[in-house]
């Protein structure tokens, strides 16, 4: 299960490298695409939940790194008012 990193740009122009334990993130985010804040959160929530579930199916335990990453995304997102947009700069 190859890990995947995705870099995002927040509405305040800060960039952040994020982690997923699975390539599933490619099904939810596209490099170069910009998402409304609520849509971005929903996509990350689903992608990281599915990634953690894949880890659990393979190894018998959830990926706490995926859970921590989602918590970080939620915490940072809560500092912005809608409408706000997040850009996925890259996925590797």
PDB file of N, CA and C in Angstrom:
ATOM      1  N   UNK A   1       0.862  -1.167   0.000  1.00  0.00           N
ATOM      2  CA  UNK A   1       0.000   0.000   0.000  1.00  0.00           C
ATOM      3  C   UNK A   1       0.907   1.228   0.000  1.00  0.00           C
ATOM      4  N   UNK A   2       1.112   1.817  -1.158  1.00  0.00           N
ATOM      5  CA  UNK A   2       2.033   2.965  -1.214  1.00  0.00           C
ATOM      6  C   UNK A   2       1.437   4.230  -0.599  1.00  0.00           C
ATOM      7  N   UNK A   3       2.235   4.870   0.210  1.00  0.00           N
ATOM      8  CA  UNK A   3       1.783   6.126   0.805  1.00  0.00           C
ATOM      9  C   UNK A   3       1.776   7.202  -0.272  1.00  0.00           C
ATOM     10  N   UNK A   4       0.962   8.193  -0.054  1.00  0.00           N
ATOM     11  CA  UNK A   4       0.799   9.294  -1.000  1.00  0.00           C
ATOM     12  C   UNK A   4       0.878  10.600  -0.234  1.00  0.00           C
ATOM     13  N   UNK A   5       1.526  11.553  -0.822  1.00  0.00           N
ATOM     14  CA  UNK A   5       1.587  12.900  -0.244  1.00  0.00           C
ATOM     15  C   UNK A   5       0.888  13.850  -1.210  1.00  0.00           C
ATOM     16  N   UNK A   6       0.134  14.779  -0.633  1.00  0.00           N
ATOM     17  CA  UNK A   6      -0.519  15.788  -1.468  1.00  0.00           C
ATOM     18  C   UNK A   6      -0.284  17.154  -0.839  1.00  0.00           C
ATOM     19  N   UNK A   7       0.031  18.091  -1.684  1.00  0.00           N
ATOM     20  CA  UNK A   7       0.335  19.448  -1.232  1.00  0.00           C
ATOM     21  C   UNK A   7      -0.844  20.338  -1.560  1.00  0.00           C
ATOM     22  N   UNK A   8      -1.261  21.100  -0.566  1.00  0.00           N
ATOM     23  CA  UNK A   8      -2.413  21.990  -0.741  1.00  0.00           C
ATOM     24  C   UNK A   8      -2.019  23.435  -0.426  1.00  0.00           C
ATOM     25  N   UNK A   9      -2.785  24.344  -0.996  1.00  0.00           N
ATOM     26  CA  UNK A   9      -2.629  25.762  -0.670  1.00  0.00           C
ATOM     27  C   UNK A   9      -3.926  26.226  -0.019  1.00  0.00           C
ATOM     28  N   UNK A  10      -3.781  26.763   1.181  1.00  0.00           N
ATOM     29  CA  UNK A  10      -4.908  27.271   1.942  1.00  0.00           C
ATOM     30  C   UNK A  10      -5.299  28.663   1.452  1.00  0.00           C
ATOM     31  N   UNK A  11      -6.472  29.150   1.843  1.00  0.00           N
ATOM     32  CA  UNK A  11      -6.908  30.493   1.414  1.00  0.00           C
ATOM     33  C   UNK A  11      -5.964  31.624   1.849  1.00  0.00           C
ATOM     34  N   UNK A  12      -5.145  31.391   2.882  1.00  0.00           N
ATOM     35  CA  UNK A  12      -4.195  32.424   3.316  1.00  0.00           C
ATOM     36  C   UNK A  12      -2.849  32.304   2.593  1.00  0.00           C
ATOM     37  N   UNK A  13      -2.815  31.509   1.513  1.00  0.00           N
ATOM     38  CA  UNK A  13      -1.637  31.274   0.666  1.00  0.00           C
ATOM     39  C   UNK A  13      -0.556  30.420   1.313  1.00  0.00           C
ATOM     40  N   UNK A  14      -0.797  29.883   2.493  1.00  0.00           N
ATOM     41  CA  UNK A  14       0.153  28.937   3.076  1.00  0.00           C
ATOM     42  C   UNK A  14      -0.015  27.594   2.378  1.00  0.00           C
ATOM     43  N   UNK A  15       1.106  26.887   2.207  1.00  0.00           N
ATOM     44  CA  UNK A  15       1.042  25.554   1.638  1.00  0.00           C
ATOM     45  C   UNK A  15       1.313  24.533   2.734  1.00  0.00           C
ATOM     46  N   UNK A  16       0.779  23.344   2.523  1.00  0.00           N
ATOM     47  CA  UNK A  16       0.954  22.271   3.494  1.00  0.00           C
ATOM     48  C   UNK A  16       1.066  20.945   2.757  1.00  0.00           C
ATOM     49  N   UNK A  17       2.037  20.131   3.153  1.00  0.00           N
ATOM     50  CA  UNK A  17       2.144  18.783   2.608  1.00  0.00           C
ATOM     51  C   UNK A  17       1.360  17.853   3.525  1.00  0.00           C
ATOM     52  N   UNK A  18       0.460  17.091   2.930  1.00  0.00           N
ATOM     53  CA  UNK A  18      -0.405  16.198   3.676  1.00  0.00           C
ATOM     54  C   UNK A  18      -0.074  14.750   3.333  1.00  0.00           C
ATOM     55  N   UNK A  19      -0.489  13.838   4.212  1.00  0.00           N
ATOM     56  CA  UNK A  19      -0.141  12.430   4.097  1.00  0.00           C
ATOM     57  C   UNK A  19      -1.382  11.551   3.986  1.00  0.00           C
ATOM     58  N   UNK A  20      -1.297  10.550   3.122  1.00  0.00           N
ATOM     59  CA  UNK A  20      -2.293   9.488   3.060  1.00  0.00           C
ATOM     60  C   UNK A  20      -1.540   8.166   2.981  1.00  0.00           C
ATOM     61  N   UNK A  21      -1.981   7.157   3.710  1.00  0.00           N
ATOM     62  CA  UNK A  21      -1.302   5.870   3.650  1.00  0.00           C
ATOM     63  C   UNK A  21      -1.640   5.070   2.394  1.00  0.00           C
ATOM     64  N   UNK A  22      -2.450   5.644   1.527  1.00  0.00           N
ATOM     65  CA  UNK A  22      -2.931   4.932   0.352  1.00  0.00           C
ATOM     66  C   UNK A  22      -3.051   5.887  -0.834  1.00  0.00           C
ATOM     67  N   UNK A  23      -3.027   5.327  -2.020  1.00  0.00           N
ATOM     68  CA  UNK A  23      -3.205   6.123  -3.237  1.00  0.00           C
ATOM     69  C   UNK A  23      -4.664   6.499  -3.467  1.00  0.00           C
ATOM     70  N   UNK A  24      -5.559   6.091  -2.602  1.00  0.00           N
ATOM     71  CA  UNK A  24      -6.984   6.385  -2.746  1.00  0.00           C
ATOM     72  C   UNK A  24      -7.247   7.879  -2.897  1.00  0.00           C
ATOM     73  N   UNK A  25      -6.349   8.690  -2.380  1.00  0.00           N
ATOM     74  CA  UNK A  25      -6.527  10.144  -2.458  1.00  0.00           C
ATOM     75  C   UNK A  25      -6.651  10.614  -3.913  1.00  0.00           C
ATOM     76  N   UNK A  26      -6.058   9.867  -4.854  1.00  0.00           N
ATOM     77  CA  UNK A  26      -6.172  10.206  -6.279  1.00  0.00           C
ATOM     78  C   UNK A  26      -7.618  10.141  -6.770  1.00  0.00           C
ATOM     79  N   UNK A  27      -8.459   9.374  -6.084  1.00  0.00           N
ATOM     80  CA  UNK A  27      -9.861   9.266  -6.482  1.00  0.00           C
ATOM     81  C   UNK A  27     -10.693  10.442  -5.984  1.00  0.00           C
ATOM     82  N   UNK A  28     -10.145  11.226  -5.077  1.00  0.00           N
ATOM     83  CA  UNK A  28     -10.907  12.309  -4.466  1.00  0.00           C
ATOM     84  C   UNK A  28     -10.361  13.703  -4.764  1.00  0.00           C
ATOM     85  N   UNK A  29      -9.063  13.797  -5.032  1.00  0.00           N
ATOM     86  CA  UNK A  29      -8.439  15.091  -5.311  1.00  0.00           C
ATOM     87  C   UNK A  29      -7.680  15.023  -6.635  1.00  0.00           C
ATOM     88  N   UNK A  30      -7.590  16.168  -7.293  1.00  0.00           N
ATOM     89  CA  UNK A  30      -6.868  16.268  -8.557  1.00  0.00           C
ATOM     90  C   UNK A  30      -5.848  17.387  -8.433  1.00  0.00           C
ATOM     91  N   UNK A  31      -4.618  17.093  -8.798  1.00  0.00           N
ATOM     92  CA  UNK A  31      -3.577  18.121  -8.773  1.00  0.00           C
ATOM     93  C   UNK A  31      -3.972  19.270  -9.694  1.00  0.00           C
ATOM     94  N   UNK A  32      -3.858  20.482  -9.171  1.00  0.00           N
ATOM     95  CA  UNK A  32      -4.207  21.674  -9.933  1.00  0.00           C
ATOM     96  C   UNK A  32      -5.648  22.124  -9.755  1.00  0.00           C
ATOM     97  N   UNK A  33      -6.460  21.308  -9.120  1.00  0.00           N
ATOM     98  CA  UNK A  33      -7.868  21.659  -8.930  1.00  0.00           C
ATOM     99  C   UNK A  33      -8.058  22.474  -7.660  1.00  0.00           C
ATOM    100  N   UNK A  34      -9.056  23.347  -7.713  1.00  0.00           N
ATOM    101  CA  UNK A  34      -9.430  24.168  -6.559  1.00  0.00           C
ATOM    102  C   UNK A  34     -10.823  23.758  -6.119  1.00  0.00           C
ATOM    103  N   UNK A  35     -10.987  23.627  -4.796  1.00  0.00           N
ATOM    104  CA  UNK A  35     -12.240  23.135  -4.229  1.00  0.00           C
ATOM    105  C   UNK A  35     -12.788  24.125  -3.210  1.00  0.00           C
ATOM    106  N   UNK A  36     -14.115  24.302  -3.183  1.00  0.00           N
ATOM    107  CA  UNK A  36     -14.707  25.065  -2.084  1.00  0.00           C
ATOM    108  C   UNK A  36     -14.367  24.364  -0.767  1.00  0.00           C
ATOM    109  N   UNK A  37     -14.215  25.122   0.285  1.00  0.00           N
ATOM    110  CA  UNK A  37     -13.786  24.599   1.573  1.00  0.00           C
ATOM    111  C   UNK A  37     -14.590  23.378   2.021  1.00  0.00           C
ATOM    112  N   UNK A  38     -15.910  23.463   2.008  1.00  0.00           N
ATOM    113  CA  UNK A  38     -16.739  22.348   2.476  1.00  0.00           C
ATOM    114  C   UNK A  38     -16.549  21.101   1.616  1.00  0.00           C
ATOM    115  N   UNK A  39     -16.437  21.289   0.307  1.00  0.00           N
ATOM    116  CA  UNK A  39     -16.222  20.172  -0.604  1.00  0.00           C
ATOM    117  C   UNK A  39     -14.853  19.537  -0.357  1.00  0.00           C
ATOM    118  N   UNK A  40     -13.845  20.368  -0.164  1.00  0.00           N
ATOM    119  CA  UNK A  40     -12.502  19.872   0.116  1.00  0.00           C
ATOM    120  C   UNK A  40     -12.489  19.034   1.390  1.00  0.00           C
ATOM    121  N   UNK A  41     -13.139  19.536   2.433  1.00  0.00           N
ATOM    122  CA  UNK A  41     -13.207  18.786   3.695  1.00  0.00           C
ATOM    123  C   UNK A  41     -13.895  17.439   3.510  1.00  0.00           C
ATOM    124  N   UNK A  42     -14.987  17.430   2.783  1.00  0.00           N
ATOM    125  CA  UNK A  42     -15.711  16.178   2.549  1.00  0.00           C
ATOM    126  C   UNK A  42     -14.845  15.195   1.767  1.00  0.00           C
ATOM    127  N   UNK A  43     -14.137  15.677   0.763  1.00  0.00           N
ATOM    128  CA  UNK A  43     -13.263  14.810  -0.032  1.00  0.00           C
ATOM    129  C   UNK A  43     -12.125  14.245   0.825  1.00  0.00           C
ATOM    130  N   UNK A  44     -11.511  15.079   1.628  1.00  0.00           N
ATOM    131  CA  UNK A  44     -10.419  14.614   2.489  1.00  0.00           C
ATOM    132  C   UNK A  44     -10.932  13.634   3.529  1.00  0.00           C
ATOM    133  N   UNK A  45     -12.076  13.929   4.106  1.00  0.00           N
ATOM    134  CA  UNK A  45     -12.655  13.042   5.115  1.00  0.00           C
ATOM    135  C   UNK A  45     -12.872  11.646   4.512  1.00  0.00           C
ATOM    136  N   UNK A  46     -13.473  11.591   3.349  1.00  0.00           N
ATOM    137  CA  UNK A  46     -13.754  10.299   2.722  1.00  0.00           C
ATOM    138  C   UNK A  46     -12.468   9.601   2.275  1.00  0.00           C
ATOM    139  N   UNK A  47     -11.553  10.330   1.669  1.00  0.00           N
ATOM    140  CA  UNK A  47     -10.302   9.734   1.193  1.00  0.00           C
ATOM    141  C   UNK A  47      -9.487   9.163   2.349  1.00  0.00           C
ATOM    142  N   UNK A  48      -9.327   9.940   3.407  1.00  0.00           N
ATOM    143  CA  UNK A  48      -8.508   9.483   4.533  1.00  0.00           C
ATOM    144  C   UNK A  48      -9.207   8.390   5.342  1.00  0.00           C
ATOM    145  N   UNK A  49     -10.520   8.424   5.393  1.00  0.00           N
ATOM    146  CA  UNK A  49     -11.265   7.346   6.054  1.00  0.00           C
ATOM    147  C   UNK A  49     -11.088   6.040   5.275  1.00  0.00           C
ATOM    148  N   UNK A  50     -11.231   6.107   3.964  1.00  0.00           N
ATOM    149  CA  UNK A  50     -11.050   4.902   3.156  1.00  0.00           C
ATOM    150  C   UNK A  50      -9.609   4.407   3.224  1.00  0.00           C
ATOM    151  N   UNK A  51      -8.657   5.324   3.229  1.00  0.00           N
ATOM    152  CA  UNK A  51      -7.247   4.933   3.339  1.00  0.00           C
ATOM    153  C   UNK A  51      -6.992   4.207   4.656  1.00  0.00           C
ATOM    154  N   UNK A  52      -7.528   4.743   5.734  1.00  0.00           N
ATOM    155  CA  UNK A  52      -7.345   4.118   7.038  1.00  0.00           C
ATOM    156  C   UNK A  52      -8.034   2.756   7.103  1.00  0.00           C
ATOM    157  N   UNK A  53      -9.178   2.637   6.465  1.00  0.00           N
ATOM    158  CA  UNK A  53      -9.895   1.371   6.415  1.00  0.00           C
ATOM    159  C   UNK A  53      -9.097   0.326   5.622  1.00  0.00           C
ATOM    160  N   UNK A  54      -8.449   0.763   4.555  1.00  0.00           N
ATOM    161  CA  UNK A  54      -7.598  -0.163   3.789  1.00  0.00           C
ATOM    162  C   UNK A  54      -6.447  -0.685   4.652  1.00  0.00           C
ATOM    163  N   UNK A  55      -5.850   0.202   5.420  1.00  0.00           N
ATOM    164  CA  UNK A  55      -4.768  -0.215   6.317  1.00  0.00           C
ATOM    165  C   UNK A  55      -5.303  -1.230   7.329  1.00  0.00           C
ATOM    166  N   UNK A  56      -6.472  -0.936   7.882  1.00  0.00           N
ATOM    167  CA  UNK A  56      -7.062  -1.837   8.863  1.00  0.00           C
ATOM    168  C   UNK A  56      -7.345  -3.213   8.266  1.00  0.00           C
ATOM    169  N   UNK A  57      -7.838  -3.240   7.031  1.00  0.00           N
ATOM    170  CA  UNK A  57      -8.126  -4.514   6.376  1.00  0.00           C
ATOM    171  C   UNK A  57      -6.849  -5.328   6.158  1.00  0.00           C
ATOM    172  N   UNK A  58      -5.768  -4.638   5.860  1.00  0.00           N
ATOM    173  CA  UNK A  58      -4.507  -5.337   5.572  1.00  0.00           C
ATOM    174  C   UNK A  58      -3.727  -5.703   6.833  1.00  0.00           C
ATOM    175  N   UNK A  59      -3.690  -4.799   7.807  1.00  0.00           N
ATOM    176  CA  UNK A  59      -2.824  -4.993   8.970  1.00  0.00           C
ATOM    177  C   UNK A  59      -3.560  -5.226  10.296  1.00  0.00           C
ATOM    178  N   UNK A  60      -4.876  -4.997  10.300  1.00  0.00           N
ATOM    179  CA  UNK A  60      -5.640  -5.240  11.517  1.00  0.00           C
ATOM    180  C   UNK A  60      -5.777  -4.031  12.429  1.00  0.00           C
ATOM    181  N   UNK A  61      -5.297  -2.877  12.014  1.00  0.00           N
ATOM    182  CA  UNK A  61      -5.433  -1.654  12.816  1.00  0.00           C
ATOM    183  C   UNK A  61      -5.519  -0.451  11.889  1.00  0.00           C
ATOM    184  N   UNK A  62      -6.219   0.575  12.358  1.00  0.00           N
ATOM    185  CA  UNK A  62      -6.383   1.802  11.563  1.00  0.00           C
ATOM    186  C   UNK A  62      -5.060   2.555  11.472  1.00  0.00           C
ATOM    187  N   UNK A  63      -4.956   3.376  10.469  1.00  0.00           N
ATOM    188  CA  UNK A  63      -3.764   4.216  10.321  1.00  0.00           C
ATOM    189  C   UNK A  63      -3.968   5.495  11.130  1.00  0.00           C
ATOM    190  N   UNK A  64      -3.289   5.591  12.240  1.00  0.00           N
ATOM    191  CA  UNK A  64      -3.441   6.782  13.077  1.00  0.00           C
ATOM    192  C   UNK A  64      -2.879   8.018  12.385  1.00  0.00           C
ATOM    193  N   UNK A  65      -1.912   7.844  11.493  1.00  0.00           N
ATOM    194  CA  UNK A  65      -1.373   8.994  10.760  1.00  0.00           C
ATOM    195  C   UNK A  65      -2.436   9.622   9.858  1.00  0.00           C
ATOM    196  N   UNK A  66      -3.280   8.802   9.269  1.00  0.00           N
ATOM    197  CA  UNK A  66      -4.376   9.332   8.447  1.00  0.00           C
ATOM    198  C   UNK A  66      -5.371  10.073   9.321  1.00  0.00           C
ATOM    199  N   UNK A  67      -5.660   9.521  10.504  1.00  0.00           N
ATOM    200  CA  UNK A  67      -6.584  10.178  11.429  1.00  0.00           C
ATOM    201  C   UNK A  67      -6.024  11.519  11.913  1.00  0.00           C
ATOM    202  N   UNK A  68      -4.737  11.542  12.205  1.00  0.00           N
ATOM    203  CA  UNK A  68      -4.083  12.779  12.647  1.00  0.00           C
ATOM    204  C   UNK A  68      -4.085  13.808  11.518  1.00  0.00           C
ATOM    205  N   UNK A  69      -3.813  13.348  10.289  1.00  0.00           N
ATOM    206  CA  UNK A  69      -3.807  14.274   9.151  1.00  0.00           C
ATOM    207  C   UNK A  69      -5.176  14.907   8.964  1.00  0.00           C
ATOM    208  N   UNK A  70      -6.222  14.104   9.044  1.00  0.00           N
ATOM    209  CA  UNK A  70      -7.568  14.643   8.898  1.00  0.00           C
ATOM    210  C   UNK A  70      -7.875  15.648   9.999  1.00  0.00           C
ATOM    211  N   UNK A  71      -7.469  15.362  11.211  1.00  0.00           N
ATOM    212  CA  UNK A  71      -7.689  16.296  12.321  1.00  0.00           C
ATOM    213  C   UNK A  71      -6.971  17.624  12.059  1.00  0.00           C
ATOM    214  N   UNK A  72      -5.758  17.561  11.521  1.00  0.00           N
ATOM    215  CA  UNK A  72      -5.011  18.792  11.198  1.00  0.00           C
ATOM    216  C   UNK A  72      -5.729  19.600  10.126  1.00  0.00           C
ATOM    217  N   UNK A  73      -6.206  18.900   9.098  1.00  0.00           N
ATOM    218  CA  UNK A  73      -6.931  19.581   8.020  1.00  0.00           C
ATOM    219  C   UNK A  73      -8.185  20.247   8.575  1.00  0.00           C
ATOM    220  N   UNK A  74      -8.935  19.526   9.386  1.00  0.00           N
ATOM    221  CA  UNK A  74     -10.163  20.091   9.974  1.00  0.00           C
ATOM    222  C   UNK A  74      -9.857  21.307  10.845  1.00  0.00           C
ATOM    223  N   UNK A  75      -8.804  21.199  11.645  1.00  0.00           N
ATOM    224  CA  UNK A  75      -8.442  22.306  12.550  1.00  0.00           C
ATOM    225  C   UNK A  75      -8.076  23.555  11.753  1.00  0.00           C
ATOM    226  N   UNK A  76      -7.245  23.397  10.727  1.00  0.00           N
ATOM    227  CA  UNK A  76      -6.837  24.543   9.911  1.00  0.00           C
ATOM    228  C   UNK A  76      -8.039  25.101   9.147  1.00  0.00           C
ATOM    229  N   UNK A  77      -8.869  24.223   8.602  1.00  0.00           N
ATOM    230  CA  UNK A  77     -10.043  24.668   7.844  1.00  0.00           C
ATOM    231  C   UNK A  77     -10.994  25.481   8.706  1.00  0.00           C
ATOM    232  N   UNK A  78     -11.061  25.157   9.985  1.00  0.00           N
ATOM    233  CA  UNK A  78     -11.979  25.870  10.880  1.00  0.00           C
ATOM    234  C   UNK A  78     -11.589  27.324  11.085  1.00  0.00           C
ATOM    235  N   UNK A  79     -10.383  27.699  10.673  1.00  0.00           N
ATOM    236  CA  UNK A  79      -9.938  29.086  10.831  1.00  0.00           C
ATOM    237  C   UNK A  79     -10.391  29.987   9.688  1.00  0.00           C
ATOM    238  N   UNK A  80     -11.024  29.391   8.670  1.00  0.00           N
ATOM    239  CA  UNK A  80     -11.468  30.158   7.501  1.00  0.00           C
ATOM    240  C   UNK A  80     -12.980  30.222   7.456  1.00  0.00           C
ATOM    241  N   UNK A  81     -13.479  31.331   6.963  1.00  0.00           N
ATOM    242  CA  UNK A  81     -14.910  31.494   6.754  1.00  0.00           C
ATOM    243  C   UNK A  81     -15.224  31.164   5.305  1.00  0.00           C
ATOM    244  N   UNK A  82     -16.391  30.612   5.077  1.00  0.00           N
ATOM    245  CA  UNK A  82     -16.812  30.354   3.702  1.00  0.00           C
ATOM    246  C   UNK A  82     -17.417  31.622   3.140  1.00  0.00           C
ATOM    247  N   UNK A  83     -17.307  31.917   1.877  1.00  0.00           N
ATOM    248  CA  UNK A  83     -16.675  31.048   0.892  1.00  0.00           C
ATOM    249  C   UNK A  83     -15.146  31.146   0.950  1.00  0.00           C
ATOM    250  N   UNK A  84     -14.519  30.019   0.917  1.00  0.00           N
ATOM    251  CA  UNK A  84     -13.060  29.918   0.861  1.00  0.00           C
ATOM    252  C   UNK A  84     -12.744  28.736  -0.045  1.00  0.00           C
ATOM    253  N   UNK A  85     -11.568  28.770  -0.650  1.00  0.00           N
ATOM    254  CA  UNK A  85     -11.178  27.708  -1.562  1.00  0.00           C
ATOM    255  C   UNK A  85      -9.793  27.178  -1.219  1.00  0.00           C
ATOM    256  N   UNK A  86      -9.624  25.882  -1.448  1.00  0.00           N
ATOM    257  CA  UNK A  86      -8.348  25.216  -1.227  1.00  0.00           C
ATOM    258  C   UNK A  86      -7.910  24.621  -2.557  1.00  0.00           C
ATOM    259  N   UNK A  87      -6.653  24.790  -2.893  1.00  0.00           N
ATOM    260  CA  UNK A  87      -6.104  24.232  -4.129  1.00  0.00           C
ATOM    261  C   UNK A  87      -5.203  23.059  -3.815  1.00  0.00           C
ATOM    262  N   UNK A  88      -5.411  21.978  -4.538  1.00  0.00           N
ATOM    263  CA  UNK A  88      -4.508  20.827  -4.456  1.00  0.00           C
ATOM    264  C   UNK A  88      -3.406  21.087  -5.478  1.00  0.00           C
ATOM    265  N   UNK A  89      -2.219  21.370  -4.998  1.00  0.00           N
ATOM    266  CA  UNK A  89      -1.119  21.723  -5.886  1.00  0.00           C
ATOM    267  C   UNK A  89      -0.487  20.512  -6.542  1.00  0.00           C
ATOM    268  N   UNK A  90      -0.321  19.431  -5.779  1.00  0.00           N
ATOM    269  CA  UNK A  90       0.306  18.236  -6.341  1.00  0.00           C
ATOM    270  C   UNK A  90      -0.076  17.009  -5.527  1.00  0.00           C
ATOM    271  N   UNK A  91       0.057  15.861  -6.166  1.00  0.00           N
ATOM    272  CA  UNK A  91      -0.150  14.574  -5.501  1.00  0.00           C
ATOM    273  C   UNK A  91       0.969  13.662  -5.976  1.00  0.00           C
ATOM    274  N   UNK A  92       1.685  13.085  -5.022  1.00  0.00           N
ATOM    275  CA  UNK A  92       2.772  12.179  -5.424  1.00  0.00           C
ATOM    276  C   UNK A  92       2.842  10.976  -4.496  1.00  0.00           C
TER     277      UNK A  92
END
